[in-house]
C-alpha atoms as a PDB file:
ATOM      1  CA  MET A   1      90.410  80.305 103.107  1.00  0.00           C
ATOM      2  CA  THR A   2      88.833  77.669 100.885  1.00  0.00           C
ATOM      3  CA  ASN A   3      89.758  74.534  99.050  1.00  0.00           C
ATOM      4  CA  PRO A   4      92.994  75.247  97.112  1.00  0.00           C
ATOM      5  CA  GLU A   5      91.983  72.769  94.414  1.00  0.00           C
ATOM      6  CA  GLN A   6      89.091  74.959  93.227  1.00  0.00           C
ATOM      7  CA  TRP A   7      91.448  77.953  93.020  1.00  0.00           C
ATOM      8  CA  LEU A   8      94.000  75.916  91.096  1.00  0.00           C
ATOM      9  CA  ALA A   9      91.343  74.703  88.656  1.00  0.00           C
ATOM     10  CA  ALA A  10      90.291  78.326  88.059  1.00  0.00           C
ATOM     11  CA  VAL A  11      93.912  79.380  87.492  1.00  0.00           C
ATOM     12  CA  ARG A  12      94.233  76.542  84.952  1.00  0.00           C
ATOM     13  CA  ARG A  13      91.100  77.660  83.100  1.00  0.00           C
ATOM     14  CA  SER A  14      92.295  81.277  83.085  1.00  0.00           C
ATOM     15  CA  HIS A  15      95.641  80.210  81.651  1.00  0.00           C
ATOM     16  CA  ASP A  16      94.021  78.017  79.000  1.00  0.00           C
ATOM     17  CA  ARG A  17      91.676  80.820  77.904  1.00  0.00           C
ATOM     18  CA  LEU A  18      94.537  83.287  77.556  1.00  0.00           C
ATOM     19  CA  ALA A  19      96.769  80.779  75.751  1.00  0.00           C
ATOM     20  CA  SER A  20      93.980  80.188  73.246  1.00  0.00           C
ATOM     21  CA  LEU A  21      93.551  83.915  72.638  1.00  0.00           C
ATOM     22  CA  VAL A  22      97.273  84.646  72.346  1.00  0.00           C
ATOM     23  CA  ALA A  23      97.830  81.808  69.868  1.00  0.00           C
ATOM     24  CA  GLY A  24      96.089  83.854  67.188  1.00  0.00           C
ATOM     25  CA  LEU A  25      97.872  87.172  67.761  1.00  0.00           C
ATOM     26  CA  ASP A  26     100.397  88.635  65.334  1.00  0.00           C
ATOM     27  CA  GLU A  27     102.987  91.383  65.748  1.00  0.00           C
ATOM     28  CA  THR A  28     100.435  94.131  65.071  1.00  0.00           C
ATOM     29  CA  ASP A  29      98.048  92.683  67.648  1.00  0.00           C
ATOM     30  CA  LEU A  30     100.801  92.436  70.264  1.00  0.00           C
ATOM     31  CA  SER A  31     101.674  96.108  69.696  1.00  0.00           C
ATOM     32  CA  ARG A  32      98.140  97.363  70.333  1.00  0.00           C
ATOM     33  CA  ILE A  33      97.468  99.308  73.503  1.00  0.00           C
ATOM     34  CA  SER A  34      95.618  97.037  75.909  1.00  0.00           C
ATOM     35  CA  ALA A  35      92.795  97.905  78.269  1.00  0.00           C
ATOM     36  CA  CYS A  36      95.575  98.519  80.766  1.00  0.00           C
ATOM     37  CA  THR A  37      96.335 101.722  78.860  1.00  0.00           C
ATOM     38  CA  GLN A  38      99.937 102.090  80.004  1.00  0.00           C
ATOM     39  CA  TRP A  39     100.842  98.749  78.384  1.00  0.00           C
ATOM     40  CA  THR A  40     100.641  97.115  74.999  1.00  0.00           C
ATOM     41  CA  VAL A  41      99.166  93.629  74.764  1.00  0.00           C
ATOM     42  CA  ALA A  42     102.728  92.230  74.745  1.00  0.00           C
ATOM     43  CA  GLN A  43     103.574  94.190  77.889  1.00  0.00           C
ATOM     44  CA  VAL A  44     100.514  92.807  79.689  1.00  0.00           C
ATOM     45  CA  LEU A  45     101.668  89.325  78.693  1.00  0.00           C
ATOM     46  CA  SER A  46     105.182  90.193  79.858  1.00  0.00           C
ATOM     47  CA  HIS A  47     103.746  91.238  83.215  1.00  0.00           C
ATOM     48  CA  LEU A  48     101.885  87.937  83.531  1.00  0.00           C
ATOM     49  CA  GLY A  49     105.045  86.043  82.599  1.00  0.00           C
ATOM     50  CA  SER A  50     107.197  87.891  85.099  1.00  0.00           C
ATOM     51  CA  GLN A  51     104.564  87.339  87.764  1.00  0.00           C
ATOM     52  CA  ALA A  52     104.522  83.615  86.974  1.00  0.00           C
ATOM     53  CA  GLU A  53     108.279  83.554  87.613  1.00  0.00           C
ATOM     54  CA  ILE A  54     107.797  85.427  90.875  1.00  0.00           C
ATOM     55  CA  PHE A  55     104.946  83.145  91.977  1.00  0.00           C
ATOM     56  CA  SER A  56     107.162  80.151  91.228  1.00  0.00           C
ATOM     57  CA  LEU A  57     109.763  81.586  93.611  1.00  0.00           C
ATOM     58  CA  VAL A  58     107.008  82.131  96.181  1.00  0.00           C
ATOM     59  CA  ILE A  59     106.049  78.469  95.858  1.00  0.00           C
ATOM     60  CA  ASP A  60     109.698  77.462  96.316  1.00  0.00           C
ATOM     61  CA  ALA A  61     109.952  79.622  99.438  1.00  0.00           C
ATOM     62  CA  GLY A  62     106.745  78.231 100.905  1.00  0.00           C
ATOM     63  CA  LEU A  63     107.833  74.654 100.302  1.00  0.00           C
ATOM     64  CA  SER A  64     111.262  75.216 101.841  1.00  0.00           C
ATOM     65  CA  GLY A  65     110.089  77.357 104.737  1.00  0.00           C
ATOM     66  CA  GLY A  66     112.008  80.315 103.343  1.00  0.00           C
ATOM     67  CA  SER A  67     111.111  83.905 102.651  1.00  0.00           C
ATOM     68  CA  PRO A  68     109.396  85.063  99.486  1.00  0.00           C
ATOM     69  CA  PRO A  69     111.453  86.990  96.938  1.00  0.00           C
ATOM     70  CA  GLY A  70     111.942  90.692  97.521  1.00  0.00           C
ATOM     71  CA  GLN A  71     112.059  93.857  95.471  1.00  0.00           C
ATOM     72  CA  GLU A  72     115.600  93.258  94.165  1.00  0.00           C
ATOM     73  CA  THR A  73     114.553  89.919  92.688  1.00  0.00           C
ATOM     74  CA  PHE A  74     111.419  91.510  91.230  1.00  0.00           C
ATOM     75  CA  GLN A  75     113.510  94.197  89.532  1.00  0.00           C
ATOM     76  CA  GLU A  76     115.817  91.617  87.935  1.00  0.00           C
ATOM     77  CA  ILE A  77     112.906  89.550  86.650  1.00  0.00           C
ATOM     78  CA  TRP A  78     111.061  92.598  85.302  1.00  0.00           C
ATOM     79  CA  ALA A  79     114.205  93.859  83.536  1.00  0.00           C
ATOM     80  CA  ALA A  80     114.694  90.482  81.843  1.00  0.00           C
ATOM     81  CA  TRP A  81     111.100  90.468  80.608  1.00  0.00           C
ATOM     82  CA  ASP A  82     111.246  94.103  79.507  1.00  0.00           C
ATOM     83  CA  SER A  83     114.256  93.318  77.304  1.00  0.00           C
ATOM     84  CA  ARG A  84     112.357  90.713  75.254  1.00  0.00           C
ATOM     85  CA  SER A  85     110.700  91.369  71.923  1.00  0.00           C
ATOM     86  CA  PRO A  86     106.884  91.518  71.891  1.00  0.00           C
ATOM     87  CA  GLN A  87     106.740  88.099  70.230  1.00  0.00           C
ATOM     88  CA  ASP A  88     109.063  86.621  72.856  1.00  0.00           C
ATOM     89  CA  GLN A  89     107.080  88.254  75.660  1.00  0.00           C
ATOM     90  CA  ALA A  90     103.886  86.634  74.372  1.00  0.00           C
ATOM     91  CA  ARG A  91     105.365  83.212  73.701  1.00  0.00           C
ATOM     92  CA  ASP A  92     107.388  83.078  76.916  1.00  0.00           C
ATOM     93  CA  SER A  93     104.480  84.333  79.021  1.00  0.00           C
ATOM     94  CA  ILE A  94     102.259  81.485  77.914  1.00  0.00           C
ATOM     95  CA  SER A  95     105.098  79.002  78.420  1.00  0.00           C
ATOM     96  CA  VAL A  96     106.068  80.191  81.911  1.00  0.00           C
ATOM     97  CA  ASN A  97     102.453  80.479  83.053  1.00  0.00           C
ATOM     98  CA  GLY A  98     101.726  76.987  81.732  1.00  0.00           C
ATOM     99  CA  ALA A  99     104.752  75.590  83.542  1.00  0.00           C
ATOM    100  CA  LEU A 100     103.677  77.222  86.820  1.00  0.00           C
ATOM    101  CA  VAL A 101     100.154  75.826  86.577  1.00  0.00           C
ATOM    102  CA  SER A 102     101.410  72.359  85.626  1.00  0.00           C
ATOM    103  CA  ARG A 103     103.821  72.386  88.546  1.00  0.00           C
ATOM    104  CA  LEU A 104     101.051  73.306  90.955  1.00  0.00           C
ATOM    105  CA  GLU A 105      98.800  70.600  89.544  1.00  0.00           C
ATOM    106  CA  GLU A 106     101.457  68.012  90.435  1.00  0.00           C
ATOM    107  CA  PHE A 107     101.001  68.678  94.161  1.00  0.00           C
ATOM    108  CA  ASP A 108      98.760  66.261  95.980  1.00  0.00           C
ATOM    109  CA  PRO A 109      95.929  67.662  98.126  1.00  0.00           C
ATOM    110  CA  GLU A 110      97.907  67.120 101.335  1.00  0.00           C
ATOM    111  CA  ALA A 111     100.851  69.171 100.047  1.00  0.00           C
ATOM    112  CA  LEU A 112      98.527  71.963  98.998  1.00  0.00           C
ATOM    113  CA  GLY A 113      96.813  71.796 102.379  1.00  0.00           C
ATOM    114  CA  ALA A 114     100.114  72.054 104.243  1.00  0.00           C
ATOM    115  CA  PHE A 115     101.516  74.952 102.194  1.00  0.00           C
ATOM    116  CA  ARG A 116     102.149  78.207 104.121  1.00  0.00           C
ATOM    117  CA  ILE A 117     104.134  81.368 103.454  1.00  0.00           C
ATOM    118  CA  ALA A 118     104.415  84.744 105.164  1.00  0.00           C
ATOM    119  CA  MET A 119     103.708  87.488 102.606  1.00  0.00           C
ATOM    120  CA  PHE A 120     102.472  91.045 102.770  1.00  0.00           C
ATOM    121  CA  GLY A 121     102.260  90.977 106.550  1.00  0.00           C
ATOM    122  CA  ARG A 122     100.123  87.863 106.783  1.00  0.00           C
ATOM    123  CA  GLU A 123     100.388  84.118 106.547  1.00  0.00           C
ATOM    124  CA  LEU A 124      98.961  82.681 103.341  1.00  0.00           C
ATOM    125  CA  ASP A 125      97.975  79.131 102.591  1.00  0.00           C
ATOM    126  CA  ALA A 126      97.919  77.624  99.088  1.00  0.00           C
ATOM    127  CA  ALA A 127      94.396  78.951  98.465  1.00  0.00           C
ATOM    128  CA  GLY A 128      95.571  82.443  99.439  1.00  0.00           C
ATOM    129  CA  VAL A 129      98.490  82.352  97.022  1.00  0.00           C
ATOM    130  CA  LEU A 130      96.301  80.903  94.267  1.00  0.00           C
ATOM    131  CA  ARG A 131      93.710  83.580  94.957  1.00  0.00           C
ATOM    132  CA  MET A 132      96.365  86.245  94.416  1.00  0.00           C
ATOM    133  CA  ARG A 133      97.442  84.565  91.193  1.00  0.00           C
ATOM    134  CA  LEU A 134      93.904  84.207  89.901  1.00  0.00           C
ATOM    135  CA  SER A 135      93.063  87.851  90.591  1.00  0.00           C
ATOM    136  CA  GLU A 136      96.186  88.954  88.714  1.00  0.00           C
ATOM    137  CA  HIS A 137      95.770  86.524  85.842  1.00  0.00           C
ATOM    138  CA  ALA A 138      92.024  86.858  85.298  1.00  0.00           C
ATOM    139  CA  VAL A 139      92.000  90.650  85.275  1.00  0.00           C
ATOM    140  CA  HIS A 140      95.045  90.991  83.024  1.00  0.00           C
ATOM    141  CA  SER A 141      93.660  88.290  80.730  1.00  0.00           C
ATOM    142  CA  TRP A 142      90.606  90.498  80.412  1.00  0.00           C
ATOM    143  CA  ASP A 143      92.906  93.445  79.594  1.00  0.00           C
ATOM    144  CA  VAL A 144      94.043  91.433  76.575  1.00  0.00           C
ATOM    145  CA  ALA A 145      90.662  89.966  75.619  1.00  0.00           C
ATOM    146  CA  VAL A 146      88.756  93.260  75.695  1.00  0.00           C
ATOM    147  CA  THR A 147      91.370  94.824  73.437  1.00  0.00           C
ATOM    148  CA  PHE A 148      90.040  92.608  70.646  1.00  0.00           C
ATOM    149  CA  ASP A 149      86.442  92.144  71.800  1.00  0.00           C
ATOM    150  CA  PRO A 150      84.796  95.121  73.529  1.00  0.00           C
ATOM    151  CA  ALA A 151      82.133  92.788  74.930  1.00  0.00           C
ATOM    152  CA  ALA A 152      84.686  90.587  76.711  1.00  0.00           C
ATOM    153  CA  GLU A 153      84.216  90.139  80.444  1.00  0.00           C
ATOM    154  CA  VAL A 154      86.371  88.874  83.265  1.00  0.00           C
ATOM    155  CA  ALA A 155      85.745  85.114  83.270  1.00  0.00           C
ATOM    156  CA  ALA A 156      82.665  84.228  85.296  1.00  0.00           C
ATOM    157  CA  ASP A 157      84.354  81.329  87.102  1.00  0.00           C
ATOM    158  CA  ALA A 158      87.106  83.667  88.305  1.00  0.00           C
ATOM    159  CA  VAL A 159      84.629  86.359  89.351  1.00  0.00           C
ATOM    160  CA  GLU A 160      82.632  83.796  91.323  1.00  0.00           C
ATOM    161  CA  LEU A 161      85.691  82.911  93.386  1.00  0.00           C
ATOM    162  CA  LEU A 162      87.111  86.427  93.666  1.00  0.00           C
ATOM    163  CA  ILE A 163      83.987  88.446  94.433  1.00  0.00           C
ATOM    164  CA  ASP A 164      83.983  87.872  98.198  1.00  0.00           C
ATOM    165  CA  GLY A 165      87.511  89.276  98.485  1.00  0.00           C
ATOM    166  CA  LEU A 166      87.012  92.176  96.091  1.00  0.00           C
ATOM    167  CA  GLY A 167      87.684  94.708  98.841  1.00  0.00           C
ATOM    168  CA  ASP A 168      91.124  93.239  99.523  1.00  0.00           C
ATOM    169  CA  THR A 169      91.918  93.001  95.822  1.00  0.00           C
ATOM    170  CA  ALA A 170      90.852  96.585  95.141  1.00  0.00           C
ATOM    171  CA  ALA A 171      92.862  97.812  98.110  1.00  0.00           C
ATOM    172  CA  ARG A 172      96.013  96.262  96.592  1.00  0.00           C
END
């Protein structure tokens, strides 16, 4: 794909933007229906938190040469997040996402370059996994942002990286 470091930097910026937005939200804000109309703001954050846990397991599998987590693991993680209060979903989402990004930032360029994992019927490198994470994080961050600011847009730096693979993202 491309340089994993540029994808990681974009994931960091996406996380930082969302963390800044969420820091000012109260219980009423977290209970609002998001742009993802099946979920409240807290549920969108819960989704991002659960996905950060899943992506962390994907990283573990790629580093160890193992298999990525499967549906049973997903179900357990989702159930744990669903059982949290809206305030806990928001707080924990930012914490878990921050920990995932920080962990990834600790890898040196060689480790990122050597990373491989078989997922979704194809082999992904670090840039491929980070691309998946950025597409998930940037779009759901927008789901939260536009709830409070109708003029909000998906972050330009994320769009710039994601646009060439929009067909693949939309197909998922």
